[in-house]
Amino acid sequence: MEPIRVAVVGTGNIARLHAEALRELGDEVRLVGAVDVDESRLAAFCDRYDVPARHPDVSSLLEKDRPELVHVCTPPGSHHELALACLRAGSNVLVEKPPTLNLGELDDLAEAEQRHGARLATVFQHRFGTGALRLRALVDAGVLGRPLVGICHTTWFRPQSYFDVEWRGRWDTEGGGPTMGHGIHQMDLLCAILGDWTEVSALARQQARRSETEDLSMAHVSFANGAVASVVNSLLSVREESYLRFDFERATVEVTHLYGYGDDDWRITPAPEYADEVLAAWRAGAAGVRSSHQAQFAEVVRSLRNGAPPPVTSAETRRTMQLVAGVYASAFTRRPVRPDELSDNSPFYRRMQGDGPRW
C-alpha cells in the first residue's frame, strides 16, 4: 500500500521526537512537508529528516502538499488555529498535548471533525505501552475485581529559568501550569483505566515559582465506578517521579517512571487468595513495548488505514481535558465540581482560569 503522507508543523525539540518515531515506521509513512516561521530551524529539520517541502505557514503546506496526516508540534497557544485549518482542509491531525487551551476550543475541533470528515487525535503516548495495555485488558476481563483507590502523582522539577521563557507559565499561551502541561499525561492514563469521573475537589498554589499559573495542584477525584483517586501535579519536586497506583479488590498495580515506562517499571501485588489467577493473567498479557510516540503513531497509522478514528480521539481527550478544567474550577471556586458544571455557560469552558485565580 502507498505510505501515508505526513507533515509536521513546528520543527522544535518535540518535532524531532516525532520525526524519529515516524522513521521507525518505515514505509508505512512518508514525511512530505514541514512548516516553521523560523527559516533556519526549518531548514535544519528538513535537511536532517530528508523532508522535501518547506513551508512558511500551514496554508501553503495544505494547498501544495495535501498531507493525509499533520503532526502539530508548536507551543500550545497555536494548536487550535492550526488544527482547525488542517481539519477544514480535510487533513487528519495529531496534536501534541495539551491539544487546546480550553474545553471550548476542543469542542470547536470536534465540530470541525464532523463537518469536514477529518479526524483529530491527541498525543497521549502512555496509553500505548504494553504495561498499560496489559492492565486495561485485565480490568476489562474482570480479573482484578472492582477498582477502589488510585494515586496519580506527577512530581517533577522545573527551575525559575524554565518559567522565564516568554510563552511559559501563562494562561493565554499554555492554558495552565503543571496540571495542564505536565501531569495531564498521567491524568489521561488514570482516566483511561478508571473511566468517567463524577466529582473533583482541588487546590492550586503558586508555591515557589514566579508565573501567572500554578506550580502545584492537588486533587481528590471520584469516579463513576466508585473508585477514588489522589492527584498531585508539581514542578517543585527535586527527586522527579511519575507514579500511578491502582488498588483493586484482588491486586495492587503500580508504575513508577519519569517521562516514559517499560514493562520492568510495572509491579503487581496480588491478594493471596487470588495470586495464582492474577499472576497468570498478568504474565500472559502484552509485553515488549515502551510507552512512546512510536507506539501511538503505529496505532494512528493502523486506524487511518482501516478507516477508523485514530487514537486518542477527541471524545477521549475531552474527558481528560474536562478533569483538568475541573481541577482549576474547584481550586479557584473553592468547592467540589462535577463535569456537568463545566458546560459552555461556565467561565471555565473558554478559560482554564475562569474569571481568574485567587492566589
Protein backbone atom coordinates (compact mmCIF):
# COMPACT_ATOMS: atom_id res chain seq x y z
CA MET A 1 0.00 0.00 0.00
CA GLU A 2 1.06 3.58 -0.54
CA PRO A 3 2.65 5.25 2.51
CA ILE A 4 0.53 7.74 4.40
CA ARG A 5 1.58 11.30 3.57
CA VAL A 6 2.59 13.05 6.79
CA ALA A 7 3.61 16.63 7.52
CA VAL A 8 4.96 18.34 10.64
CA VAL A 9 4.03 21.84 11.78
CA GLY A 10 6.60 23.31 14.15
CA THR A 11 10.15 21.93 13.98
CA GLY A 12 11.45 22.39 17.52
CA ASN A 13 12.52 19.77 20.06
CA ILE A 14 9.27 17.79 20.19
CA ALA A 15 9.09 17.69 16.39
CA ARG A 16 12.40 15.86 16.32
CA LEU A 17 10.91 13.16 18.56
CA HIS A 18 8.02 12.89 16.12
CA ALA A 19 10.34 12.63 13.13
CA GLU A 20 12.44 9.92 14.78
CA ALA A 21 9.32 7.94 15.67
CA LEU A 22 7.97 8.30 12.13
CA ARG A 23 11.27 6.98 10.77
CA GLU A 24 10.79 3.83 12.82
CA LEU A 25 7.52 3.18 10.98
CA GLY A 26 9.49 2.69 7.75
CA ASP A 27 7.45 2.50 4.55
CA GLU A 28 4.16 2.96 6.39
CA VAL A 29 4.57 6.74 6.21
CA ARG A 30 6.33 9.38 4.13
CA LEU A 31 7.24 12.78 5.57
CA VAL A 32 6.32 15.12 2.74
CA GLY A 33 6.49 18.61 4.23
CA ALA A 34 7.22 20.77 7.25
CA VAL A 35 6.27 24.25 8.48
CA ASP A 36 8.06 26.73 10.71
CA VAL A 37 8.27 30.51 10.95
CA ASP A 38 12.00 30.19 11.73
CA GLU A 39 13.70 29.55 8.38
CA SER A 40 16.98 28.30 9.81
CA ARG A 41 15.26 25.87 12.19
CA LEU A 42 13.02 24.64 9.38
CA ALA A 43 15.99 24.13 7.08
CA ALA A 44 17.93 22.18 9.72
CA PHE A 45 14.94 19.93 10.40
CA CYS A 46 14.23 19.24 6.73
CA ASP A 47 17.88 18.54 5.97
CA ARG A 48 18.17 16.14 8.91
CA TYR A 49 15.00 14.17 8.10
CA ASP A 50 15.02 14.42 4.30
CA VAL A 51 11.80 16.41 4.14
CA PRO A 52 11.30 17.56 0.53
CA ALA A 53 8.95 20.55 1.02
CA ARG A 54 9.50 23.55 3.30
CA HIS A 55 6.69 26.00 4.07
CA PRO A 56 6.45 29.29 5.97
CA ASP A 57 2.83 28.66 7.02
CA VAL A 58 0.25 25.89 7.25
CA SER A 59 -1.86 27.30 4.40
CA SER A 60 0.98 26.75 1.95
CA LEU A 61 1.51 23.21 3.24
CA LEU A 62 -2.15 22.25 2.94
CA GLU A 63 -2.52 23.73 -0.53
CA LYS A 64 0.65 22.34 -2.09
CA ASP A 65 1.34 19.03 -0.32
CA ARG A 66 -2.17 17.91 0.74
CA PRO A 67 -0.96 15.68 3.61
CA GLU A 68 -3.23 12.94 4.93
CA LEU A 69 -1.95 13.47 8.48
CA VAL A 70 -0.49 16.60 10.07
CA HIS A 71 1.51 16.50 13.32
CA VAL A 72 1.08 19.77 15.23
CA CYS A 73 4.21 20.31 17.33
CA THR A 74 4.00 24.03 18.09
CA PRO A 75 3.52 25.71 21.50
CA PRO A 76 0.01 25.11 22.92
CA GLY A 77 -1.38 28.57 22.18
CA SER A 78 -1.34 27.91 18.42
CA HIS A 79 -2.79 24.37 18.46
CA HIS A 80 -6.44 25.37 17.99
CA GLU A 81 -5.91 27.61 14.97
CA LEU A 82 -3.54 25.20 13.22
CA ALA A 83 -5.62 22.08 13.87
CA LEU A 84 -8.77 23.86 12.72
CA ALA A 85 -7.12 24.86 9.44
CA CYS A 86 -6.00 21.27 8.82
CA LEU A 87 -9.41 19.77 9.58
CA ARG A 88 -11.13 22.27 7.30
CA ALA A 89 -8.75 21.24 4.51
CA GLY A 90 -9.63 17.57 5.06
CA SER A 91 -6.32 16.59 6.70
CA ASN A 92 -6.31 14.44 9.81
CA VAL A 93 -4.50 15.97 12.78
CA LEU A 94 -2.32 14.54 15.54
CA VAL A 95 -1.68 17.30 18.07
CA GLU A 96 0.71 17.41 20.99
CA LYS A 97 -0.67 17.88 24.50
CA PRO A 98 -2.45 19.91 25.60
CA PRO A 99 -4.48 19.81 22.38
CA THR A 100 -6.10 23.19 23.05
CA LEU A 101 -6.08 25.86 25.74
CA ASN A 102 -9.59 25.07 26.94
CA LEU A 103 -12.71 22.93 26.50
CA GLY A 104 -14.37 25.38 24.13
CA GLU A 105 -11.52 25.20 21.64
CA LEU A 106 -11.56 21.40 21.83
CA ASP A 107 -15.28 21.37 21.09
CA ASP A 108 -14.62 23.65 18.09
CA LEU A 109 -12.28 21.00 16.70
CA ALA A 110 -14.74 18.18 17.38
CA GLU A 111 -17.38 20.10 15.44
CA ALA A 112 -14.92 20.62 12.56
CA GLU A 113 -14.27 16.87 12.52
CA GLN A 114 -17.94 16.18 11.94
CA ARG A 115 -18.33 18.92 9.36
CA HIS A 116 -15.27 18.18 7.24
CA GLY A 117 -14.81 14.41 7.66
CA ALA A 118 -11.24 14.59 9.00
CA ARG A 119 -10.11 13.30 12.41
CA LEU A 120 -8.34 14.76 15.43
CA ALA A 121 -6.13 12.77 17.80
CA THR A 122 -4.06 13.88 20.79
CA VAL A 123 -0.59 12.60 21.73
CA PHE A 124 -1.14 10.68 24.98
CA GLN A 125 1.51 8.02 24.43
CA HIS A 126 1.35 6.46 27.90
CA ARG A 127 -1.80 4.61 26.87
CA PHE A 128 0.15 2.58 24.32
CA GLY A 129 2.95 0.88 26.24
CA THR A 130 2.26 -2.79 26.88
CA GLY A 131 2.14 -2.24 30.66
CA ALA A 132 -0.95 -0.06 30.29
CA LEU A 133 -2.44 -2.32 27.62
CA ARG A 134 -1.99 -5.33 29.89
CA LEU A 135 -3.62 -3.54 32.81
CA ARG A 136 -6.56 -2.40 30.67
CA ALA A 137 -7.09 -5.97 29.43
CA LEU A 138 -7.16 -7.36 32.97
CA VAL A 139 -9.61 -4.67 34.07
CA ASP A 140 -11.91 -5.42 31.12
CA ALA A 141 -11.75 -9.16 31.83
CA GLY A 142 -12.66 -8.65 35.50
CA VAL A 143 -9.51 -10.43 36.69
CA LEU A 144 -8.63 -7.68 39.17
CA GLY A 145 -12.09 -7.10 40.59
CA ARG A 146 -13.56 -3.72 41.38
CA PRO A 147 -11.25 -0.64 41.34
CA LEU A 148 -11.10 1.02 44.75
CA VAL A 149 -8.27 3.55 45.09
CA GLY A 150 -5.97 5.37 42.68
CA ILE A 151 -2.85 7.51 43.09
CA CYS A 152 -1.67 9.75 40.25
CA HIS A 153 1.42 11.79 41.07
CA THR A 154 3.46 13.86 38.63
CA THR A 155 6.17 15.26 40.87
CA TRP A 156 8.67 16.95 38.58
CA PHE A 157 11.14 19.81 38.90
CA ARG A 158 11.47 22.98 36.84
CA PRO A 159 13.67 25.91 37.96
CA GLN A 160 12.60 29.53 37.69
CA SER A 161 14.51 29.86 34.41
CA TYR A 162 12.07 27.41 32.83
CA PHE A 163 9.20 29.80 33.55
CA ASP A 164 11.17 32.81 32.33
CA VAL A 165 10.76 31.69 28.70
CA GLU A 166 8.29 34.15 27.18
CA TRP A 167 5.38 31.79 26.47
CA ARG A 168 5.67 29.61 29.57
CA GLY A 169 3.72 29.95 32.78
CA ARG A 170 0.97 31.98 31.07
CA TRP A 171 -2.73 31.22 30.77
CA ASP A 172 -3.01 32.70 27.28
CA THR A 173 -0.19 30.62 25.78
CA GLU A 174 -0.06 27.39 27.85
CA GLY A 175 -3.55 27.24 29.33
CA GLY A 176 -2.19 26.41 32.78
CA GLY A 177 0.77 25.16 34.78
CA PRO A 178 1.74 21.57 35.66
CA THR A 179 -1.90 20.44 35.82
CA MET A 180 -2.35 21.29 32.16
CA GLY A 181 1.10 20.88 30.68
CA HIS A 182 2.80 18.12 32.66
CA GLY A 183 0.53 15.99 34.82
CA ILE A 184 -2.00 15.72 32.02
CA HIS A 185 -0.19 12.61 30.70
CA GLN A 186 -0.59 10.72 33.98
CA MET A 187 -4.13 12.07 34.45
CA ASP A 188 -5.05 10.78 31.00
CA LEU A 189 -3.81 7.29 31.85
CA LEU A 190 -5.69 7.45 35.16
CA CYS A 191 -8.91 8.20 33.26
CA ALA A 192 -8.16 5.57 30.62
CA ILE A 193 -8.08 2.94 33.38
CA LEU A 194 -10.76 4.21 35.78
CA GLY A 195 -13.20 5.74 33.29
CA ASP A 196 -15.56 8.67 33.78
CA TRP A 197 -15.09 10.94 36.78
CA THR A 198 -18.01 12.40 38.73
CA GLU A 199 -16.55 14.99 41.12
CA VAL A 200 -13.28 16.72 41.92
CA SER A 201 -12.12 18.75 44.91
CA ALA A 202 -8.83 20.55 44.41
CA LEU A 203 -6.40 23.28 45.34
CA ALA A 204 -3.82 25.08 43.21
CA ARG A 205 -0.95 27.15 44.55
CA GLN A 206 1.82 29.46 43.50
CA GLN A 207 4.12 27.78 45.96
CA ALA A 208 7.60 28.82 44.83
CA ARG A 209 7.83 29.95 41.19
CA ARG A 210 7.06 33.35 39.67
CA SER A 211 4.48 32.81 36.92
CA GLU A 212 0.84 33.55 36.09
CA THR A 213 -0.15 29.91 36.55
CA GLU A 214 0.11 27.44 39.41
CA ASP A 215 3.28 25.48 40.11
CA LEU A 216 1.40 22.94 42.25
CA SER A 217 -2.06 21.38 42.34
CA MET A 218 -3.61 18.62 44.43
CA ALA A 219 -6.98 16.96 43.90
CA HIS A 220 -9.37 14.31 45.16
CA VAL A 221 -11.30 12.69 42.29
CA SER A 222 -14.36 10.43 42.46
CA PHE A 223 -15.22 8.08 39.57
CA ALA A 224 -18.49 6.67 38.32
CA ASN A 225 -17.39 3.11 39.18
CA GLY A 226 -16.94 4.08 42.85
CA ALA A 227 -13.17 4.44 42.82
CA VAL A 228 -11.47 7.49 44.32
CA ALA A 229 -8.05 8.89 43.44
CA SER A 230 -5.46 11.32 44.73
CA VAL A 231 -3.83 13.53 42.08
CA VAL A 232 -0.72 15.68 42.60
CA ASN A 233 0.92 17.83 39.93
CA SER A 234 4.13 19.56 40.99
CA LEU A 235 7.07 21.28 39.34
CA LEU A 236 8.82 21.74 42.69
CA SER A 237 9.99 18.19 43.39
CA VAL A 238 13.77 17.80 43.23
CA ARG A 239 13.55 14.00 43.11
CA GLU A 240 11.40 13.69 40.00
CA GLU A 241 8.92 10.87 39.52
CA SER A 242 5.77 9.88 37.68
CA TYR A 243 3.79 7.40 39.77
CA LEU A 244 0.44 5.72 39.26
CA ARG A 245 -1.08 3.18 41.60
CA PHE A 246 -4.35 1.30 41.20
CA ASP A 247 -5.75 -0.66 44.14
CA PHE A 248 -8.32 -3.24 43.03
CA GLU A 249 -10.15 -5.84 45.10
CA ARG A 250 -7.72 -8.54 44.02
CA ALA A 251 -4.42 -6.74 43.41
CA THR A 252 -2.42 -3.52 43.52
CA VAL A 253 -0.86 -2.44 40.22
CA GLU A 254 1.83 0.29 40.14
CA VAL A 255 4.09 2.00 37.63
CA THR A 256 7.00 4.31 38.50
CA HIS A 257 8.89 6.17 35.79
CA LEU A 258 9.68 9.72 34.70
CA TYR A 259 8.91 10.51 31.05
CA GLY A 260 8.16 7.02 29.75
CA TYR A 261 7.87 3.47 31.07
CA GLY A 262 8.85 -0.04 30.05
CA ASP A 263 7.49 -3.37 31.26
CA ASP A 264 10.02 -3.51 34.10
CA ASP A 265 8.63 -0.27 35.57
CA TRP A 266 5.32 -2.01 36.40
CA ARG A 267 4.64 -4.02 39.57
CA ILE A 268 1.67 -6.16 40.55
CA THR A 269 0.92 -7.36 44.06
CA PRO A 270 -1.98 -9.83 44.17
CA ALA A 271 -4.15 -10.58 47.17
CA PRO A 272 -3.04 -14.02 48.48
CA GLU A 273 -6.31 -15.80 47.67
CA TYR A 274 -6.18 -14.63 44.03
CA ALA A 275 -2.42 -14.83 43.48
CA ASP A 276 -2.33 -17.72 41.01
CA GLU A 277 -5.11 -16.40 38.78
CA VAL A 278 -3.94 -12.77 38.82
CA LEU A 279 -0.25 -13.52 38.22
CA ALA A 280 -1.01 -15.97 35.41
CA ALA A 281 -3.16 -13.39 33.64
CA TRP A 282 -0.56 -10.64 34.13
CA ARG A 283 2.29 -12.78 32.77
CA ALA A 284 0.23 -13.82 29.76
CA GLY A 285 -0.52 -10.22 28.78
CA ALA A 286 1.04 -7.99 26.14
CA ALA A 287 4.75 -7.24 26.57
CA GLY A 288 7.77 -5.65 24.97
CA VAL A 289 6.60 -2.14 24.01
CA ARG A 290 7.58 1.01 25.88
CA SER A 291 5.25 3.95 26.16
CA SER A 292 6.45 6.15 23.32
CA HIS A 293 5.44 8.33 20.42
CA GLN A 294 6.23 5.47 18.07
CA ALA A 295 3.83 3.13 19.85
CA GLN A 296 0.97 5.59 19.46
CA PHE A 297 1.91 6.62 15.92
CA ALA A 298 1.78 2.98 14.81
CA GLU A 299 -1.80 2.77 16.11
CA VAL A 300 -2.73 6.06 14.45
CA VAL A 301 -1.46 4.80 11.09
CA ARG A 302 -3.23 1.46 11.53
CA SER A 303 -6.50 3.20 12.33
CA LEU A 304 -6.27 5.53 9.34
CA ARG A 305 -5.62 2.60 7.01
CA ASN A 306 -8.67 0.81 8.43
CA GLY A 307 -10.88 3.89 8.14
CA ALA A 308 -11.29 4.14 11.92
CA PRO A 309 -10.85 7.21 14.17
CA PRO A 310 -7.19 7.39 15.24
CA PRO A 311 -6.44 7.27 18.97
CA VAL A 312 -6.66 9.22 21.22
CA THR A 313 -9.95 10.57 19.83
CA SER A 314 -11.37 14.00 20.59
CA ALA A 315 -14.08 12.38 22.76
CA GLU A 316 -11.50 10.51 24.86
CA THR A 317 -9.34 13.60 25.07
CA ARG A 318 -12.29 15.66 26.28
CA ARG A 319 -12.71 13.54 29.42
CA THR A 320 -9.12 14.25 30.41
CA MET A 321 -9.33 17.94 29.50
CA GLN A 322 -12.56 18.22 31.47
CA LEU A 323 -10.80 16.80 34.52
CA VAL A 324 -8.06 19.42 34.12
CA ALA A 325 -10.73 22.12 33.89
CA GLY A 326 -12.43 20.61 36.93
CA VAL A 327 -9.23 20.85 38.98
CA TYR A 328 -8.90 24.54 38.16
CA ALA A 329 -12.61 25.24 38.68
CA SER A 330 -12.60 23.55 42.07
CA ALA A 331 -9.36 25.22 43.15
CA PHE A 332 -10.48 28.72 42.16
CA THR A 333 -14.10 28.48 43.32
CA ARG A 334 -13.02 26.58 46.45
CA ARG A 335 -15.71 23.92 46.21
CA PRO A 336 -16.25 20.48 44.65
CA VAL A 337 -17.04 20.49 40.91
CA ARG A 338 -18.97 18.00 38.73
CA PRO A 339 -18.44 17.52 34.98
CA ASP A 340 -21.89 18.91 34.14
CA GLU A 341 -20.90 22.22 35.73
CA LEU A 342 -18.27 22.77 33.03
CA SER A 343 -20.70 23.43 30.18
CA ASP A 344 -20.48 26.36 27.76
CA ASN A 345 -22.02 28.74 30.30
CA SER A 346 -19.19 28.14 32.78
CA PRO A 347 -16.34 30.68 32.98
CA PHE A 348 -14.00 27.67 32.91
CA TYR A 349 -15.26 26.49 29.50
CA ARG A 350 -13.29 29.03 27.44
CA ARG A 351 -10.60 29.85 30.04
CA MET A 352 -8.99 27.27 32.29
CA GLN A 353 -8.51 30.02 34.87
CA GLY A 354 -12.19 31.02 34.69
CA ASP A 355 -12.71 34.55 35.99
CA GLY A 356 -9.18 34.50 37.37
CA PRO A 357 -7.40 32.62 40.16
CA ARG A 358 -7.46 33.78 43.75
CA TRP A 359 -3.85 33.39 44.84
